[in-house]
Amino acid sequence: MTPHSSHPVPYVPAARSTPYAPHKSYPSFASYVRARQPVLLRTARSLTANPCDAEDLLQTALTKTYVAWDRIEDHRALDGYVRRALLNTRTSQWRKRKVDEFACDELPEPETVAAADPAEHQALHDAMWRAIMKLPARQRAMVVLRYYEDLSEVQTAEVLGVSVGTVKSAVSRALGKLREDPELRPAKG
C-alpha cells in the first residue's frame, strides 16, 4: 500500500472450518476496521520506524482481534483492545529482533537543511521522531500513547498494564531525554 492509498480493509484470514471451529463471519468486525483503520494505522506507525512494518503490525493486531471477536465483551472498548494487541505484538518483535540490528551513535538519515516555514516544520517533526525512536521501547510506547494518541496517564497505565506512577515517572524521564537531544535544541543565531 502506498501512503496515498485509501487503506482498504486488510485481509483477515477466516477461521478454518472444522467440526470444532466452524467458519464465522463478523460484519461488525469489517465495519469496525473500515471506520477505525486510519487511526489504528497511525498508532502502528508511531510504534515502528517503517510504514510497511506498521501495516504488518496492524494486520497482526487485527488478526488477533478477529480471532477473539466473539470473546470481546465490550465492543465499545475495541480501540483499547487493538492498541494492546499492537503493543504486545511490537514488544514481542523487539524481544525477538534480529541480531543484525544494533544501536548506533549516529542516525543514517542525512542532516536536514534549515528552510522556510513548511520545511522547518517538517524538519522539526522528523527530528522529533528520530529522538523518540532513540527512547527505550517502553518509554517510547508511553510517550506515543500520552502525546500522539492523547490518552490520559490512567488510560496509558491501563493499556500497558502498569501503575499510573510508573507512567508518570517513565514519561518524565523520556521528556527529559527529549529535552537534552541536540537535534531538538533551538539553533543559536
N, C-alpha and C. Protein backbone atom coordinates (compact mmCIF):
# COMPACT_ATOMS: atom_id res chain seq x y z
N MET A 1 0.84 -1.18 0.00
CA MET A 1 0.00 0.00 0.00
C MET A 1 0.88 1.23 0.00
N THR A 2 0.48 2.24 -0.73
CA THR A 2 1.23 3.48 -0.73
C THR A 2 0.65 4.40 0.32
N PRO A 3 1.42 5.41 0.75
CA PRO A 3 0.90 6.32 1.75
C PRO A 3 -0.34 7.06 1.27
N HIS A 4 -0.53 7.13 -0.06
CA HIS A 4 -1.66 7.89 -0.59
C HIS A 4 -2.84 6.99 -0.92
N SER A 5 -2.75 5.71 -0.63
CA SER A 5 -3.85 4.80 -0.94
C SER A 5 -4.99 5.03 0.03
N SER A 6 -6.13 4.47 -0.31
CA SER A 6 -7.32 4.69 0.51
C SER A 6 -7.43 3.70 1.66
N HIS A 7 -6.39 2.93 1.92
CA HIS A 7 -6.33 1.96 3.02
C HIS A 7 -7.54 1.04 3.02
N PRO A 8 -7.61 0.11 2.07
CA PRO A 8 -8.73 -0.83 2.06
C PRO A 8 -8.70 -1.71 3.30
N VAL A 9 -9.82 -2.35 3.56
CA VAL A 9 -9.90 -3.24 4.71
C VAL A 9 -8.85 -4.34 4.51
N PRO A 10 -8.00 -4.55 5.50
CA PRO A 10 -6.96 -5.56 5.34
C PRO A 10 -7.54 -6.97 5.31
N TYR A 11 -6.81 -7.85 4.68
CA TYR A 11 -7.20 -9.25 4.61
C TYR A 11 -7.08 -9.87 5.99
N VAL A 12 -8.14 -10.49 6.42
CA VAL A 12 -8.12 -11.24 7.68
C VAL A 12 -8.54 -12.65 7.35
N PRO A 13 -7.65 -13.62 7.56
CA PRO A 13 -7.98 -14.99 7.19
C PRO A 13 -9.16 -15.50 8.01
N ALA A 14 -10.04 -16.23 7.33
CA ALA A 14 -11.19 -16.81 8.02
C ALA A 14 -10.71 -18.00 8.83
N ALA A 15 -11.40 -18.25 9.91
CA ALA A 15 -11.06 -19.41 10.73
C ALA A 15 -11.29 -20.67 9.90
N ARG A 16 -10.40 -21.63 10.03
CA ARG A 16 -10.52 -22.88 9.28
C ARG A 16 -11.79 -23.60 9.74
N SER A 17 -12.56 -24.05 8.79
CA SER A 17 -13.82 -24.72 9.10
C SER A 17 -13.55 -26.17 9.48
N THR A 18 -13.78 -26.48 10.73
CA THR A 18 -13.65 -27.84 11.22
C THR A 18 -14.86 -28.10 12.11
N PRO A 19 -15.06 -29.34 12.52
CA PRO A 19 -16.19 -29.59 13.42
C PRO A 19 -16.06 -28.80 14.72
N TYR A 20 -14.82 -28.45 15.10
CA TYR A 20 -14.60 -27.75 16.37
C TYR A 20 -14.54 -26.25 16.21
N ALA A 21 -14.18 -25.77 15.02
CA ALA A 21 -14.05 -24.33 14.79
C ALA A 21 -14.74 -23.95 13.48
N PRO A 22 -16.06 -23.84 13.51
CA PRO A 22 -16.78 -23.50 12.28
C PRO A 22 -16.42 -22.09 11.83
N HIS A 23 -16.49 -21.87 10.52
CA HIS A 23 -16.19 -20.56 9.94
C HIS A 23 -17.23 -19.56 10.41
N LYS A 24 -16.78 -18.41 10.86
CA LYS A 24 -17.68 -17.36 11.29
C LYS A 24 -17.33 -16.10 10.53
N SER A 25 -18.34 -15.35 10.23
CA SER A 25 -18.15 -14.07 9.56
C SER A 25 -18.65 -12.99 10.51
N TYR A 26 -17.89 -11.93 10.63
CA TYR A 26 -18.25 -10.85 11.54
C TYR A 26 -18.39 -9.55 10.75
N PRO A 27 -19.60 -9.24 10.25
CA PRO A 27 -19.78 -7.97 9.53
C PRO A 27 -19.42 -6.78 10.41
N SER A 28 -19.65 -6.90 11.72
CA SER A 28 -19.32 -5.79 12.63
C SER A 28 -17.81 -5.57 12.69
N PHE A 29 -17.03 -6.64 12.53
CA PHE A 29 -15.57 -6.50 12.51
C PHE A 29 -15.14 -5.71 11.28
N ALA A 30 -15.68 -6.07 10.12
CA ALA A 30 -15.34 -5.36 8.89
C ALA A 30 -15.72 -3.88 8.99
N SER A 31 -16.88 -3.60 9.57
CA SER A 31 -17.31 -2.20 9.75
C SER A 31 -16.36 -1.46 10.68
N TYR A 32 -15.98 -2.13 11.76
CA TYR A 32 -15.04 -1.52 12.71
C TYR A 32 -13.72 -1.19 12.03
N VAL A 33 -13.18 -2.13 11.27
CA VAL A 33 -11.89 -1.92 10.60
C VAL A 33 -12.00 -0.77 9.61
N ARG A 34 -13.07 -0.73 8.82
CA ARG A 34 -13.24 0.36 7.86
C ARG A 34 -13.26 1.71 8.56
N ALA A 35 -13.95 1.78 9.68
CA ALA A 35 -14.11 3.04 10.39
C ALA A 35 -12.85 3.47 11.14
N ARG A 36 -12.13 2.53 11.72
CA ARG A 36 -11.03 2.88 12.64
C ARG A 36 -9.63 2.65 12.08
N GLN A 37 -9.50 2.07 10.88
CA GLN A 37 -8.18 1.74 10.36
C GLN A 37 -7.23 2.93 10.29
N PRO A 38 -7.65 4.10 9.81
CA PRO A 38 -6.68 5.21 9.75
C PRO A 38 -6.09 5.57 11.12
N VAL A 39 -6.91 5.58 12.14
CA VAL A 39 -6.43 5.90 13.49
C VAL A 39 -5.52 4.79 14.01
N LEU A 40 -5.92 3.55 13.79
CA LEU A 40 -5.11 2.43 14.26
C LEU A 40 -3.80 2.34 13.50
N LEU A 41 -3.81 2.65 12.21
CA LEU A 41 -2.58 2.65 11.43
C LEU A 41 -1.63 3.73 11.92
N ARG A 42 -2.18 4.88 12.31
CA ARG A 42 -1.35 5.95 12.87
C ARG A 42 -0.66 5.47 14.15
N THR A 43 -1.39 4.75 14.98
CA THR A 43 -0.80 4.20 16.20
C THR A 43 0.31 3.22 15.85
N ALA A 44 0.04 2.34 14.91
CA ALA A 44 1.06 1.35 14.50
C ALA A 44 2.29 2.05 13.94
N ARG A 45 2.08 3.10 13.14
CA ARG A 45 3.23 3.83 12.58
C ARG A 45 4.04 4.51 13.66
N SER A 46 3.39 4.91 14.72
CA SER A 46 4.13 5.57 15.80
C SER A 46 4.96 4.58 16.61
N LEU A 47 4.69 3.30 16.46
CA LEU A 47 5.44 2.27 17.18
C LEU A 47 6.56 1.65 16.34
N THR A 48 6.60 1.97 15.06
CA THR A 48 7.61 1.40 14.17
C THR A 48 8.32 2.50 13.40
N ALA A 49 9.46 2.18 12.86
CA ALA A 49 10.22 3.16 12.08
C ALA A 49 9.88 3.08 10.60
N ASN A 50 9.17 2.05 10.19
CA ASN A 50 8.94 1.78 8.78
C ASN A 50 7.44 1.65 8.52
N PRO A 51 6.88 2.40 7.55
CA PRO A 51 5.44 2.31 7.27
C PRO A 51 4.99 0.90 6.89
N CYS A 52 5.82 0.15 6.20
CA CYS A 52 5.45 -1.23 5.84
C CYS A 52 5.37 -2.11 7.09
N ASP A 53 6.31 -1.91 8.01
CA ASP A 53 6.26 -2.66 9.27
C ASP A 53 5.00 -2.28 10.05
N ALA A 54 4.60 -1.02 9.98
CA ALA A 54 3.39 -0.57 10.68
C ALA A 54 2.16 -1.28 10.11
N GLU A 55 2.10 -1.41 8.80
CA GLU A 55 0.96 -2.11 8.19
C GLU A 55 0.94 -3.58 8.61
N ASP A 56 2.12 -4.21 8.64
CA ASP A 56 2.19 -5.60 9.09
C ASP A 56 1.78 -5.72 10.56
N LEU A 57 2.24 -4.79 11.37
CA LEU A 57 1.91 -4.79 12.79
C LEU A 57 0.40 -4.66 12.99
N LEU A 58 -0.22 -3.73 12.26
CA LEU A 58 -1.66 -3.55 12.37
C LEU A 58 -2.39 -4.80 11.88
N GLN A 59 -1.93 -5.38 10.79
CA GLN A 59 -2.55 -6.60 10.28
C GLN A 59 -2.53 -7.71 11.33
N THR A 60 -1.40 -7.88 11.99
CA THR A 60 -1.29 -8.91 13.02
C THR A 60 -2.24 -8.61 14.18
N ALA A 61 -2.28 -7.36 14.61
CA ALA A 61 -3.17 -7.00 15.72
C ALA A 61 -4.64 -7.19 15.34
N LEU A 62 -4.99 -6.85 14.12
CA LEU A 62 -6.38 -7.04 13.68
C LEU A 62 -6.72 -8.52 13.54
N THR A 63 -5.76 -9.32 13.13
CA THR A 63 -5.99 -10.77 13.06
C THR A 63 -6.27 -11.32 14.45
N LYS A 64 -5.47 -10.89 15.42
CA LYS A 64 -5.68 -11.33 16.81
C LYS A 64 -7.06 -10.88 17.31
N THR A 65 -7.45 -9.66 16.93
CA THR A 65 -8.76 -9.15 17.34
C THR A 65 -9.87 -9.95 16.69
N TYR A 66 -9.71 -10.27 15.42
CA TYR A 66 -10.71 -11.06 14.70
C TYR A 66 -10.90 -12.43 15.36
N VAL A 67 -9.81 -13.07 15.70
CA VAL A 67 -9.88 -14.39 16.32
C VAL A 67 -10.61 -14.32 17.66
N ALA A 68 -10.44 -13.22 18.38
CA ALA A 68 -11.06 -13.07 19.70
C ALA A 68 -12.40 -12.34 19.66
N TRP A 69 -12.88 -12.01 18.48
CA TRP A 69 -14.04 -11.11 18.32
C TRP A 69 -15.25 -11.54 19.16
N ASP A 70 -15.62 -12.81 19.14
CA ASP A 70 -16.81 -13.21 19.90
C ASP A 70 -16.56 -13.32 21.40
N ARG A 71 -15.30 -13.22 21.82
CA ARG A 71 -14.97 -13.24 23.25
C ARG A 71 -14.81 -11.83 23.83
N ILE A 72 -14.78 -10.81 22.98
CA ILE A 72 -14.64 -9.43 23.46
C ILE A 72 -16.00 -8.97 23.95
N GLU A 73 -16.09 -8.71 25.24
CA GLU A 73 -17.38 -8.40 25.84
C GLU A 73 -17.89 -7.01 25.51
N ASP A 74 -17.01 -6.02 25.56
CA ASP A 74 -17.43 -4.64 25.35
C ASP A 74 -16.85 -4.12 24.04
N HIS A 75 -17.64 -4.11 23.00
CA HIS A 75 -17.15 -3.67 21.69
C HIS A 75 -16.95 -2.15 21.64
N ARG A 76 -17.38 -1.44 22.69
CA ARG A 76 -17.10 -0.01 22.75
C ARG A 76 -15.63 0.24 23.12
N ALA A 77 -14.97 -0.78 23.64
CA ALA A 77 -13.57 -0.64 24.06
C ALA A 77 -12.62 -1.32 23.07
N LEU A 78 -13.04 -1.47 21.83
CA LEU A 78 -12.22 -2.17 20.84
C LEU A 78 -10.90 -1.48 20.56
N ASP A 79 -10.89 -0.14 20.51
CA ASP A 79 -9.63 0.56 20.24
C ASP A 79 -8.58 0.19 21.28
N GLY A 80 -8.98 0.12 22.53
CA GLY A 80 -8.06 -0.26 23.59
C GLY A 80 -7.56 -1.69 23.40
N TYR A 81 -8.44 -2.58 22.99
CA TYR A 81 -8.05 -3.97 22.75
C TYR A 81 -7.02 -4.04 21.62
N VAL A 82 -7.30 -3.32 20.52
CA VAL A 82 -6.39 -3.36 19.38
C VAL A 82 -5.07 -2.68 19.74
N ARG A 83 -5.12 -1.56 20.46
CA ARG A 83 -3.88 -0.89 20.88
C ARG A 83 -3.03 -1.84 21.72
N ARG A 84 -3.68 -2.57 22.62
CA ARG A 84 -2.96 -3.52 23.47
C ARG A 84 -2.33 -4.62 22.59
N ALA A 85 -3.08 -5.09 21.60
CA ALA A 85 -2.55 -6.11 20.68
C ALA A 85 -1.37 -5.54 19.89
N LEU A 86 -1.46 -4.27 19.48
CA LEU A 86 -0.34 -3.63 18.77
C LEU A 86 0.90 -3.58 19.67
N LEU A 87 0.71 -3.13 20.89
CA LEU A 87 1.85 -3.01 21.81
C LEU A 87 2.44 -4.37 22.17
N ASN A 88 1.58 -5.34 22.43
CA ASN A 88 2.09 -6.68 22.77
C ASN A 88 2.85 -7.29 21.60
N THR A 89 2.31 -7.13 20.41
CA THR A 89 2.97 -7.68 19.22
C THR A 89 4.30 -6.98 18.99
N ARG A 90 4.31 -5.65 19.11
CA ARG A 90 5.55 -4.90 18.89
C ARG A 90 6.58 -5.25 19.96
N THR A 91 6.14 -5.42 21.19
CA THR A 91 7.06 -5.80 22.25
C THR A 91 7.68 -7.15 21.95
N SER A 92 6.87 -8.10 21.48
CA SER A 92 7.41 -9.41 21.10
C SER A 92 8.42 -9.27 19.98
N GLN A 93 8.14 -8.39 19.02
CA GLN A 93 9.08 -8.17 17.92
C GLN A 93 10.39 -7.59 18.44
N TRP A 94 10.32 -6.64 19.37
CA TRP A 94 11.53 -6.04 19.93
C TRP A 94 12.37 -7.12 20.63
N ARG A 95 11.69 -8.00 21.35
CA ARG A 95 12.41 -9.04 22.08
C ARG A 95 13.08 -10.03 21.14
N LYS A 96 12.46 -10.27 19.98
CA LYS A 96 12.98 -11.24 19.03
C LYS A 96 13.79 -10.58 17.92
N ARG A 97 14.12 -9.32 18.07
CA ARG A 97 14.74 -8.60 16.95
C ARG A 97 15.99 -9.30 16.46
N LYS A 98 16.24 -9.11 15.20
CA LYS A 98 17.35 -9.78 14.54
C LYS A 98 18.68 -9.36 15.14
N VAL A 99 19.64 -10.26 15.04
CA VAL A 99 20.97 -9.99 15.56
C VAL A 99 21.65 -8.88 14.78
N ASP A 100 21.28 -8.70 13.50
CA ASP A 100 21.95 -7.68 12.70
C ASP A 100 21.44 -6.27 12.99
N GLU A 101 20.45 -6.11 13.85
CA GLU A 101 20.01 -4.80 14.26
C GLU A 101 20.83 -4.37 15.47
N PHE A 102 21.31 -3.14 15.43
CA PHE A 102 22.11 -2.67 16.55
C PHE A 102 21.95 -1.17 16.69
N ALA A 103 22.17 -0.71 17.89
CA ALA A 103 22.11 0.73 18.16
C ALA A 103 23.40 1.38 17.68
N CYS A 104 23.28 2.59 17.20
CA CYS A 104 24.47 3.30 16.76
C CYS A 104 24.40 4.74 17.25
N ASP A 105 25.54 5.38 17.31
CA ASP A 105 25.60 6.74 17.80
C ASP A 105 25.02 7.74 16.81
N GLU A 106 25.14 7.46 15.53
CA GLU A 106 24.63 8.37 14.51
C GLU A 106 23.52 7.72 13.73
N LEU A 107 22.50 8.52 13.42
CA LEU A 107 21.41 8.02 12.61
C LEU A 107 21.82 8.07 11.14
N PRO A 108 21.37 7.13 10.34
CA PRO A 108 21.78 7.10 8.94
C PRO A 108 21.12 8.18 8.08
N GLU A 109 20.12 8.87 8.61
CA GLU A 109 19.46 9.90 7.83
C GLU A 109 20.39 11.09 7.62
N PRO A 110 20.30 11.74 6.45
CA PRO A 110 21.13 12.92 6.21
C PRO A 110 20.67 14.09 7.07
N GLU A 111 21.58 15.01 7.29
CA GLU A 111 21.25 16.20 8.06
C GLU A 111 20.18 17.00 7.32
N THR A 112 19.23 17.56 8.06
CA THR A 112 18.21 18.39 7.43
C THR A 112 18.73 19.81 7.31
N VAL A 113 18.36 20.47 6.23
CA VAL A 113 18.78 21.84 5.98
C VAL A 113 17.68 22.78 6.42
N ALA A 114 18.04 23.82 7.19
CA ALA A 114 17.05 24.80 7.65
C ALA A 114 16.44 25.47 6.42
N ALA A 115 15.11 25.59 6.43
CA ALA A 115 14.42 26.17 5.28
C ALA A 115 13.24 27.01 5.76
N ALA A 116 12.39 27.37 4.83
CA ALA A 116 11.22 28.19 5.13
C ALA A 116 10.23 27.43 6.01
N ASP A 117 9.16 28.08 6.36
CA ASP A 117 8.19 27.56 7.31
C ASP A 117 7.80 26.09 7.15
N PRO A 118 7.19 25.67 6.03
CA PRO A 118 6.76 24.26 5.95
C PRO A 118 7.93 23.27 6.09
N ALA A 119 9.04 23.62 5.48
CA ALA A 119 10.20 22.73 5.56
C ALA A 119 10.76 22.69 6.98
N GLU A 120 10.81 23.83 7.65
CA GLU A 120 11.28 23.86 9.03
C GLU A 120 10.38 23.04 9.93
N HIS A 121 9.09 23.17 9.68
CA HIS A 121 8.13 22.39 10.47
C HIS A 121 8.36 20.89 10.24
N GLN A 122 8.55 20.50 8.98
CA GLN A 122 8.77 19.09 8.67
C GLN A 122 10.09 18.60 9.27
N ALA A 123 11.12 19.45 9.20
CA ALA A 123 12.41 19.07 9.76
C ALA A 123 12.30 18.85 11.27
N LEU A 124 11.56 19.73 11.95
CA LEU A 124 11.37 19.57 13.39
C LEU A 124 10.58 18.30 13.68
N HIS A 125 9.56 18.06 12.87
CA HIS A 125 8.76 16.83 13.02
C HIS A 125 9.65 15.59 12.86
N ASP A 126 10.49 15.59 11.83
CA ASP A 126 11.39 14.45 11.59
C ASP A 126 12.39 14.30 12.73
N ALA A 127 12.93 15.41 13.20
CA ALA A 127 13.89 15.36 14.32
C ALA A 127 13.22 14.82 15.58
N MET A 128 11.98 15.22 15.80
CA MET A 128 11.25 14.73 16.98
C MET A 128 11.08 13.21 16.88
N TRP A 129 10.72 12.70 15.70
CA TRP A 129 10.54 11.26 15.55
C TRP A 129 11.86 10.51 15.72
N ARG A 130 12.94 11.08 15.22
CA ARG A 130 14.23 10.43 15.40
C ARG A 130 14.56 10.38 16.90
N ALA A 131 14.28 11.46 17.60
CA ALA A 131 14.56 11.50 19.04
C ALA A 131 13.67 10.49 19.78
N ILE A 132 12.41 10.41 19.39
CA ILE A 132 11.50 9.45 20.03
C ILE A 132 11.96 8.02 19.77
N MET A 133 12.43 7.76 18.56
CA MET A 133 12.89 6.41 18.23
C MET A 133 14.14 6.01 19.01
N LYS A 134 14.88 6.98 19.57
CA LYS A 134 16.05 6.69 20.39
C LYS A 134 15.66 6.25 21.80
N LEU A 135 14.43 6.57 22.21
CA LEU A 135 13.99 6.22 23.57
C LEU A 135 13.88 4.70 23.71
N PRO A 136 14.06 4.20 24.93
CA PRO A 136 13.81 2.77 25.16
C PRO A 136 12.36 2.44 24.79
N ALA A 137 12.13 1.23 24.37
CA ALA A 137 10.82 0.81 23.84
C ALA A 137 9.67 1.16 24.78
N ARG A 138 9.83 0.90 26.05
CA ARG A 138 8.74 1.15 27.00
C ARG A 138 8.44 2.64 27.12
N GLN A 139 9.50 3.47 27.22
CA GLN A 139 9.28 4.91 27.31
C GLN A 139 8.66 5.43 26.01
N ARG A 140 9.13 4.91 24.88
CA ARG A 140 8.60 5.34 23.59
C ARG A 140 7.11 5.03 23.52
N ALA A 141 6.72 3.83 23.94
CA ALA A 141 5.30 3.47 23.90
C ALA A 141 4.47 4.41 24.78
N MET A 142 4.99 4.75 25.94
CA MET A 142 4.26 5.65 26.83
C MET A 142 4.14 7.05 26.24
N VAL A 143 5.20 7.56 25.66
CA VAL A 143 5.16 8.89 25.04
C VAL A 143 4.17 8.90 23.88
N VAL A 144 4.20 7.86 23.07
CA VAL A 144 3.29 7.78 21.93
C VAL A 144 1.84 7.75 22.42
N LEU A 145 1.56 6.92 23.41
CA LEU A 145 0.18 6.83 23.91
C LEU A 145 -0.27 8.14 24.55
N ARG A 146 0.61 8.77 25.32
CA ARG A 146 0.25 10.01 26.02
C ARG A 146 0.09 11.19 25.06
N TYR A 147 1.05 11.38 24.16
CA TYR A 147 1.08 12.62 23.39
C TYR A 147 0.65 12.48 21.94
N TYR A 148 0.72 11.29 21.37
CA TYR A 148 0.27 11.12 19.99
C TYR A 148 -1.11 10.50 19.93
N GLU A 149 -1.42 9.65 20.88
CA GLU A 149 -2.75 9.06 20.96
C GLU A 149 -3.64 9.84 21.93
N ASP A 150 -3.04 10.78 22.65
CA ASP A 150 -3.76 11.66 23.56
C ASP A 150 -4.52 10.91 24.65
N LEU A 151 -3.91 9.83 25.16
CA LEU A 151 -4.51 9.11 26.27
C LEU A 151 -4.08 9.76 27.58
N SER A 152 -4.91 9.66 28.58
CA SER A 152 -4.55 10.17 29.90
C SER A 152 -3.51 9.24 30.53
N GLU A 153 -2.95 9.68 31.65
CA GLU A 153 -1.99 8.82 32.35
C GLU A 153 -2.67 7.53 32.81
N VAL A 154 -3.91 7.64 33.26
CA VAL A 154 -4.66 6.47 33.73
C VAL A 154 -4.91 5.50 32.56
N GLN A 155 -5.34 6.05 31.40
CA GLN A 155 -5.59 5.19 30.24
C GLN A 155 -4.30 4.52 29.76
N THR A 156 -3.21 5.29 29.74
CA THR A 156 -1.92 4.74 29.32
C THR A 156 -1.51 3.60 30.25
N ALA A 157 -1.68 3.81 31.55
CA ALA A 157 -1.34 2.77 32.53
C ALA A 157 -2.18 1.52 32.30
N GLU A 158 -3.47 1.70 32.01
CA GLU A 158 -4.34 0.55 31.76
C GLU A 158 -3.91 -0.22 30.52
N VAL A 159 -3.61 0.51 29.44
CA VAL A 159 -3.22 -0.15 28.18
C VAL A 159 -1.94 -0.96 28.38
N LEU A 160 -0.99 -0.39 29.13
CA LEU A 160 0.30 -1.05 29.30
C LEU A 160 0.34 -1.99 30.50
N GLY A 161 -0.69 -1.97 31.32
CA GLY A 161 -0.72 -2.86 32.48
C GLY A 161 0.28 -2.48 33.55
N VAL A 162 0.48 -1.17 33.75
CA VAL A 162 1.40 -0.67 34.76
C VAL A 162 0.67 0.34 35.64
N SER A 163 1.32 0.81 36.67
CA SER A 163 0.69 1.79 37.55
C SER A 163 0.79 3.19 36.94
N VAL A 164 -0.08 4.08 37.40
CA VAL A 164 -0.05 5.47 36.94
C VAL A 164 1.28 6.11 37.32
N GLY A 165 1.81 5.77 38.49
CA GLY A 165 3.11 6.30 38.91
C GLY A 165 4.23 5.89 37.97
N THR A 166 4.17 4.66 37.48
CA THR A 166 5.17 4.19 36.52
C THR A 166 5.09 5.01 35.24
N VAL A 167 3.86 5.28 34.79
CA VAL A 167 3.68 6.09 33.58
C VAL A 167 4.24 7.49 33.82
N LYS A 168 3.90 8.09 34.95
CA LYS A 168 4.37 9.45 35.24
C LYS A 168 5.89 9.52 35.25
N SER A 169 6.53 8.60 35.96
CA SER A 169 7.99 8.68 36.06
C SER A 169 8.66 8.36 34.74
N ALA A 170 8.15 7.37 34.01
CA ALA A 170 8.77 7.00 32.73
C ALA A 170 8.59 8.11 31.70
N VAL A 171 7.43 8.73 31.65
CA VAL A 171 7.20 9.83 30.71
C VAL A 171 8.07 11.03 31.10
N SER A 172 8.20 11.28 32.39
CA SER A 172 9.06 12.38 32.84
C SER A 172 10.50 12.16 32.40
N ARG A 173 11.01 10.94 32.59
CA ARG A 173 12.38 10.62 32.15
C ARG A 173 12.52 10.75 30.63
N ALA A 174 11.50 10.28 29.92
CA ALA A 174 11.54 10.35 28.45
C ALA A 174 11.55 11.80 27.98
N LEU A 175 10.72 12.63 28.59
CA LEU A 175 10.70 14.05 28.20
C LEU A 175 12.03 14.72 28.52
N GLY A 176 12.65 14.33 29.63
CA GLY A 176 13.98 14.86 29.96
C GLY A 176 15.00 14.50 28.89
N LYS A 177 14.94 13.24 28.41
CA LYS A 177 15.86 12.82 27.34
C LYS A 177 15.59 13.60 26.05
N LEU A 178 14.32 13.82 25.75
CA LEU A 178 13.98 14.58 24.54
C LEU A 178 14.46 16.03 24.65
N ARG A 179 14.35 16.62 25.84
CA ARG A 179 14.84 18.00 26.04
C ARG A 179 16.34 18.10 25.84
N GLU A 180 17.04 17.01 26.16
CA GLU A 180 18.51 17.01 26.04
C GLU A 180 19.00 16.63 24.64
N ASP A 181 18.10 16.16 23.78
CA ASP A 181 18.52 15.73 22.44
C ASP A 181 19.04 16.94 21.66
N PRO A 182 20.28 16.87 21.16
CA PRO A 182 20.86 18.02 20.46
C PRO A 182 20.08 18.43 19.21
N GLU A 183 19.43 17.50 18.56
CA GLU A 183 18.64 17.84 17.35
C GLU A 183 17.43 18.69 17.67
N LEU A 184 16.96 18.63 18.89
CA LEU A 184 15.73 19.34 19.26
C LEU A 184 16.01 20.67 19.95
N ARG A 185 17.27 20.97 20.20
CA ARG A 185 17.60 22.25 20.80
C ARG A 185 17.54 23.35 19.76
N PRO A 186 16.99 24.50 20.12
CA PRO A 186 16.92 25.59 19.13
C PRO A 186 18.31 26.07 18.72
N ALA A 187 18.45 26.36 17.43
CA ALA A 187 19.74 26.84 16.92
C ALA A 187 19.97 28.26 17.40
N LYS A 188 21.20 28.53 17.82
CA LYS A 188 21.54 29.87 18.29
C LYS A 188 22.15 30.64 17.12
N GLY A 189 21.54 31.78 16.82
CA GLY A 189 21.99 32.54 15.66
C GLY A 189 22.87 33.60 16.00
